[in-house]
Protein backbone atom coordinates (compact mmCIF):
# COMPACT_ATOMS: atom_id res chain seq x y z
CA MET A 1 71.77 44.65 -0.79
CA GLY A 2 69.75 46.01 -3.28
CA GLY A 3 66.60 45.98 -5.48
CA MET A 4 67.06 45.09 -9.67
CA VAL A 5 64.24 46.09 -11.81
CA PHE A 6 63.38 44.11 -14.61
CA ASP A 7 60.58 45.40 -16.87
CA GLY A 8 58.08 43.13 -17.79
CA PRO A 9 53.81 43.04 -18.69
CA ALA A 10 51.41 45.33 -16.56
CA SER A 11 48.02 44.52 -16.12
CA SER A 12 46.35 47.95 -14.65
CA ASN A 13 47.33 51.42 -15.73
CA TYR A 14 49.79 54.00 -13.18
CA ASP A 15 50.97 57.44 -13.63
CA LEU A 16 54.41 56.77 -12.03
CA ASP A 17 57.18 53.96 -10.89
CA LEU A 18 57.74 54.30 -7.32
CA GLY A 19 60.67 51.40 -8.13
CA PRO A 20 61.54 48.57 -5.43
CA TYR A 21 60.28 48.62 -2.52
CA LEU A 22 62.47 46.11 -0.24
CA LEU A 23 61.11 43.93 3.39
CA ASN A 24 63.49 42.99 5.93
CA GLU A 25 64.17 41.57 9.45
CA VAL A 26 66.90 42.71 11.70
CA TYR A 27 68.58 40.62 14.39
CA GLN A 28 70.32 43.49 16.67
CA GLY A 29 72.80 41.52 18.91
CA LEU A 30 73.56 38.76 16.76
CA THR A 31 75.73 37.91 13.93
CA ALA A 32 74.07 35.73 11.03
CA TRP A 33 76.48 32.86 12.16
CA GLN A 34 74.85 33.24 15.56
CA VAL A 35 71.18 33.52 14.08
CA ASN A 36 72.09 30.24 12.05
CA ALA A 37 73.35 28.41 14.73
CA ILE A 38 70.15 28.86 17.10
CA ALA A 39 68.16 27.93 14.29
CA ALA A 40 70.03 25.09 13.37
CA GLU A 41 69.71 23.96 17.54
CA ASN A 42 65.86 24.90 17.46
CA LEU A 43 65.30 22.96 14.31
CA LYS A 44 66.17 19.68 16.20
CA THR A 45 63.17 20.00 17.89
CA LYS A 46 61.02 21.09 14.96
CA GLY A 47 61.12 24.66 16.90
CA GLY A 48 62.20 28.18 14.70
CA PRO A 49 64.80 30.43 14.66
CA PRO A 50 64.97 33.29 17.25
CA SER A 51 62.97 36.48 17.20
CA ALA A 52 64.16 39.14 14.91
CA SER A 53 64.40 42.70 16.20
CA ASN A 54 62.63 44.91 14.01
CA ILE A 55 61.42 45.10 10.14
CA LEU A 56 63.02 47.47 7.87
CA ILE A 57 61.40 49.32 4.72
CA ASN A 58 64.09 49.69 1.94
CA GLY A 59 66.63 49.36 4.38
CA THR A 60 65.47 52.11 7.18
CA GLY A 61 63.34 51.98 10.48
CA VAL A 62 62.87 53.45 13.53
CA SER A 63 63.72 50.84 16.99
CA SER A 64 62.09 50.42 20.36
CA SER A 65 64.04 53.02 21.44
CA GLY A 66 63.54 55.76 18.74
CA GLU A 67 66.80 55.28 16.97
CA GLY A 68 66.72 55.33 13.20
CA GLU A 69 64.35 57.25 10.61
CA TYR A 70 61.33 56.05 8.84
CA ASN A 71 61.28 55.64 5.20
CA LYS A 72 59.42 58.41 3.66
CA VAL A 73 57.56 58.64 0.16
CA THR A 74 56.01 61.86 -1.61
CA ILE A 75 52.74 61.50 -3.89
CA THR A 76 50.51 63.52 -5.63
CA LYS A 77 46.97 63.54 -5.46
CA GLY A 78 45.23 62.38 -8.45
CA LYS A 79 48.17 59.92 -9.53
CA LYS A 80 48.66 56.34 -9.56
CA TYR A 81 51.81 55.04 -8.37
CA ARG A 82 53.23 51.20 -9.17
CA LEU A 83 55.21 49.97 -5.85
CA ARG A 84 57.27 46.84 -6.87
CA LEU A 85 56.87 45.13 -3.10
CA THR A 86 59.76 42.37 -2.49
CA ASN A 87 59.98 40.00 0.70
CA ILE A 88 63.82 39.66 1.22
CA ALA A 89 63.96 38.62 4.84
CA VAL A 90 65.42 35.42 6.13
CA ASP A 91 62.57 34.19 8.23
CA SER A 92 59.66 36.20 8.24
CA TYR A 93 56.27 36.33 6.22
CA ILE A 94 55.57 40.03 6.07
CA ARG A 95 51.99 41.77 5.87
CA VAL A 96 51.84 44.99 4.40
CA SER A 97 49.23 48.15 4.07
CA LEU A 98 48.96 51.45 3.51
CA ASP A 99 46.17 53.40 5.72
CA ASN A 100 43.42 54.42 4.07
CA HIS A 101 44.16 53.28 0.80
CA LEU A 102 43.83 50.21 -1.22
CA MET A 103 46.32 48.37 -3.19
CA GLN A 104 45.40 47.25 -6.43
CA VAL A 105 47.90 43.98 -7.24
CA MET A 106 48.81 43.68 -10.91
CA SER A 107 52.12 41.24 -10.84
CA SER A 108 53.07 37.98 -8.79
CA ASP A 109 56.57 37.05 -9.26
CA PHE A 110 56.72 38.39 -12.42
CA VAL A 111 53.34 37.08 -13.49
CA PRO A 112 50.36 39.24 -14.53
CA ILE A 113 47.35 38.58 -12.99
CA ASN A 114 43.85 39.87 -13.30
CA PRO A 115 43.89 42.69 -10.93
CA PHE A 116 42.42 42.76 -7.20
CA SER A 117 42.04 45.00 -4.86
CA THR A 118 43.13 44.47 -1.09
CA GLN A 119 43.85 46.26 1.91
CA TRP A 120 46.91 44.05 3.53
CA LEU A 121 49.04 41.80 1.18
CA LEU A 122 51.05 38.68 2.52
CA LEU A 123 54.59 38.41 0.96
CA ALA A 124 56.38 34.92 1.65
CA ILE A 125 60.34 35.03 1.81
CA GLY A 126 61.23 35.56 -1.69
CA GLN A 127 58.50 36.81 -3.08
CA ARG A 128 57.43 40.07 -5.41
CA TYR A 129 54.26 41.71 -5.74
CA ASP A 130 53.69 44.96 -8.13
CA VAL A 131 50.46 47.20 -6.77
CA VAL A 132 49.21 50.32 -7.90
CA ILE A 133 48.29 52.86 -4.96
CA SER A 134 46.11 55.85 -5.90
CA ALA A 135 46.62 58.73 -4.08
CA ASN A 136 42.44 59.53 -3.62
CA GLN A 137 42.41 60.12 -0.08
CA THR A 138 42.58 63.39 1.99
CA SER A 139 45.99 65.39 1.98
CA GLY A 140 47.97 64.23 4.75
CA ASN A 141 50.22 61.95 6.39
CA TYR A 142 49.83 57.81 6.16
CA TRP A 143 51.62 55.28 7.79
CA PHE A 144 52.55 52.42 5.27
CA ARG A 145 52.82 49.64 7.74
CA ALA A 146 54.72 46.04 7.74
CA GLU A 147 54.25 43.27 10.13
CA ALA A 148 55.86 40.03 10.58
CA GLN A 149 52.64 37.35 10.40
CA ALA A 150 52.37 35.04 13.47
CA GLY A 151 50.54 33.11 12.05
CA CYS A 152 52.90 32.04 9.64
CA PHE A 153 55.52 31.05 12.40
CA SER A 154 57.09 34.46 11.81
CA ALA A 155 58.60 36.33 15.21
CA ASN A 156 59.67 39.82 15.47
CA SER A 157 59.88 42.30 18.69
CA GLY A 158 59.53 45.33 15.98
CA VAL A 159 57.07 46.93 13.24
CA GLY A 160 58.03 48.24 10.03
CA ARG A 161 56.84 51.62 9.54
CA ALA A 162 57.26 54.41 6.81
CA ILE A 163 55.67 57.84 6.01
CA TRP A 164 53.81 58.33 2.97
CA THR A 165 52.73 62.20 3.01
CA TYR A 166 50.75 64.22 0.08
CA SER A 167 52.55 66.68 -1.37
CA ASP A 168 50.39 69.51 -1.05
CA ALA A 169 50.98 68.83 2.91
CA SER A 170 53.70 69.13 5.41
CA SER A 171 55.40 65.98 6.39
CA ALA A 172 54.69 64.85 9.63
CA VAL A 173 54.27 61.52 12.07
CA PRO A 174 50.90 60.37 10.80
CA THR A 175 47.78 59.73 13.75
CA THR A 176 45.92 57.71 10.68
CA SER A 177 44.71 54.00 12.02
CA PRO A 178 44.66 50.63 10.49
CA TRP A 179 43.22 48.71 8.24
CA THR A 180 41.70 45.49 10.16
CA GLN A 181 44.49 42.82 9.71
CA PRO A 182 43.76 39.33 8.77
CA SER A 183 44.98 36.47 10.68
CA GLY A 184 46.47 33.37 9.65
CA CYS A 185 48.69 32.52 6.74
CA ASP A 186 46.37 32.35 3.67
CA GLU A 187 48.00 33.62 0.51
CA PRO A 188 45.54 35.70 -2.29
CA GLN A 189 43.22 33.70 -4.54
CA MET A 190 45.05 34.78 -7.82
CA SER A 191 44.49 33.89 -11.79
CA PRO A 192 47.24 34.86 -14.45
CA TYR A 193 46.16 37.60 -16.99
CA TRP A 194 46.60 35.08 -19.67
CA LYS A 195 46.71 31.36 -19.40
CA GLN A 196 50.00 29.34 -19.79
CA PRO A 197 48.69 25.71 -19.42
CA VAL A 198 51.55 23.09 -18.65
CA PRO A 199 50.26 19.32 -19.54
CA SER A 200 50.16 17.48 -16.53
CA ALA A 201 51.72 14.28 -18.35
CA SER A 202 55.12 16.55 -18.20
CA PHE A 203 55.47 15.84 -14.77
CA GLU A 204 56.73 12.65 -14.15
CA ASN A 205 57.98 12.89 -10.59
CA THR A 206 56.19 13.20 -7.39
CA LEU A 207 58.56 14.84 -4.37
CA ASP A 208 58.00 14.23 -0.72
CA THR A 209 58.52 17.70 1.03
CA LYS A 210 59.10 17.05 5.06
CA ILE A 211 61.34 17.91 7.62
CA THR A 212 64.07 15.55 9.35
CA ASN A 213 65.77 15.23 11.81
CA ALA A 214 69.39 14.00 13.01
CA VAL A 215 70.22 13.11 9.39
CA VAL A 216 73.72 11.66 9.21
CA THR A 217 75.71 12.63 6.38
CA PRO A 218 78.48 10.99 4.82
CA GLY A 219 81.28 12.74 6.76
CA GLY A 220 79.53 11.78 9.93
CA ASP A 221 78.11 14.92 10.93
CA SER A 222 74.77 15.56 12.19
CA MET A 223 72.01 17.32 10.41
CA VAL A 224 68.45 18.70 10.20
CA VAL A 225 66.89 19.58 6.78
CA TRP A 226 63.80 20.33 5.07
CA ALA A 227 64.15 17.47 2.59
CA LEU A 228 62.49 17.11 -0.88
CA ASN A 229 62.42 13.17 -0.97
CA LYS A 230 65.41 12.75 0.84
CA PRO A 231 68.56 15.04 1.84
CA ILE A 232 71.41 16.36 -0.68
CA TRP A 233 75.16 16.07 0.25
CA VAL A 234 77.56 17.67 -2.55
CA ASP A 235 81.46 17.65 -2.47
CA TYR A 236 81.87 21.00 -2.95
CA ALA A 237 85.13 19.93 -4.82
CA ALA A 238 82.94 18.18 -7.20
CA PRO A 239 79.81 20.06 -7.51
CA THR A 240 76.74 19.13 -10.13
CA LEU A 241 77.46 22.18 -12.18
CA GLN A 242 80.86 20.51 -12.69
CA TYR A 243 79.18 17.23 -13.76
CA LEU A 244 76.97 18.90 -16.22
CA MET A 245 79.95 20.61 -17.89
CA GLU A 246 82.18 17.65 -18.38
CA GLY A 247 79.20 15.35 -19.78
CA ASN A 248 79.41 12.97 -16.74
CA THR A 249 76.14 11.50 -15.51
CA SER A 250 77.82 9.20 -12.72
CA TYR A 251 76.22 11.25 -9.81
CA PRO A 252 76.77 9.64 -6.61
CA GLU A 253 73.45 8.62 -4.63
CA THR A 254 74.08 11.23 -1.86
CA TYR A 255 73.75 14.03 -4.57
CA ASN A 256 70.09 13.18 -5.32
CA VAL A 257 69.73 14.13 -8.94
CA ILE A 258 66.28 13.15 -10.88
CA ASN A 259 66.52 12.19 -13.94
CA THR A 260 63.80 14.01 -16.41
CA ASN A 261 63.91 11.27 -19.13
CA ALA A 262 64.56 13.90 -21.38
CA GLU A 263 67.67 13.88 -23.89
CA GLY A 264 70.48 15.58 -22.44
CA SER A 265 68.67 17.35 -19.87
CA TRP A 266 68.99 16.70 -15.68
CA ASN A 267 67.01 18.08 -12.77
CA TYR A 268 68.69 18.75 -9.47
CA TRP A 269 66.22 19.19 -6.48
CA TYR A 270 68.69 20.64 -3.35
CA ALA A 271 67.78 20.23 0.36
CA LEU A 272 68.02 23.47 2.62
CA HIS A 273 70.42 22.05 5.17
CA THR A 274 72.60 23.13 7.73
CA PRO A 275 75.53 21.18 9.96
CA ALA A 276 74.30 21.48 13.83
């Protein structure tokens, strides 16, 4: 895995671009298959997946036993840095902060927003924020923090840490204190840098989003799903894209296809599902 940069509009000035800063959890001692199997079993009673072991920042981190290493960033006093934050975790909402430094948020999921400053920033799974950090504090070493949010039902036995060092200071383990971290799972209030209104009349379907238990599929398997209106069960030998390429609109009922009523246009709503 890795980060890809797509240059887009910026609503705040900066001097240097630090590039992608990826955040994810790690499950030590469990394979991806095992994590999936445990999560599927727990979901039957609307429980969550197993707790992760640690949080990695750009692929690095230090475990509870002291193994590994911290991600390190060097900054120069007086400069402004663009940081492209991305939460690539499987199940962890992650809140981030840089001790003593405010983050000016200027972009959310590639949409430029009216900049606002914050001490901590919450990233949902798959979410991206571009922030600007000004190197305007006393030269030294500062903790960059990344922590799973219990208020969002995310669990992790560890925390993510990186060391940010001013260029005129020697690198060392920081002794800085964190900003007071907010609780709950509320995302920041944002407004777009320019408005792109979408007429409400263009939304012709209302989707019922819910969690369902013990859904019986055509093959007889028991499943638990996050469903949009109802679960979808696609025959992998005849996926929806094949129907589209063939111009065939006779979708089976189990495909849960919603017609947008636009000529030549179809919209597909997929449910996340895992065989139990």
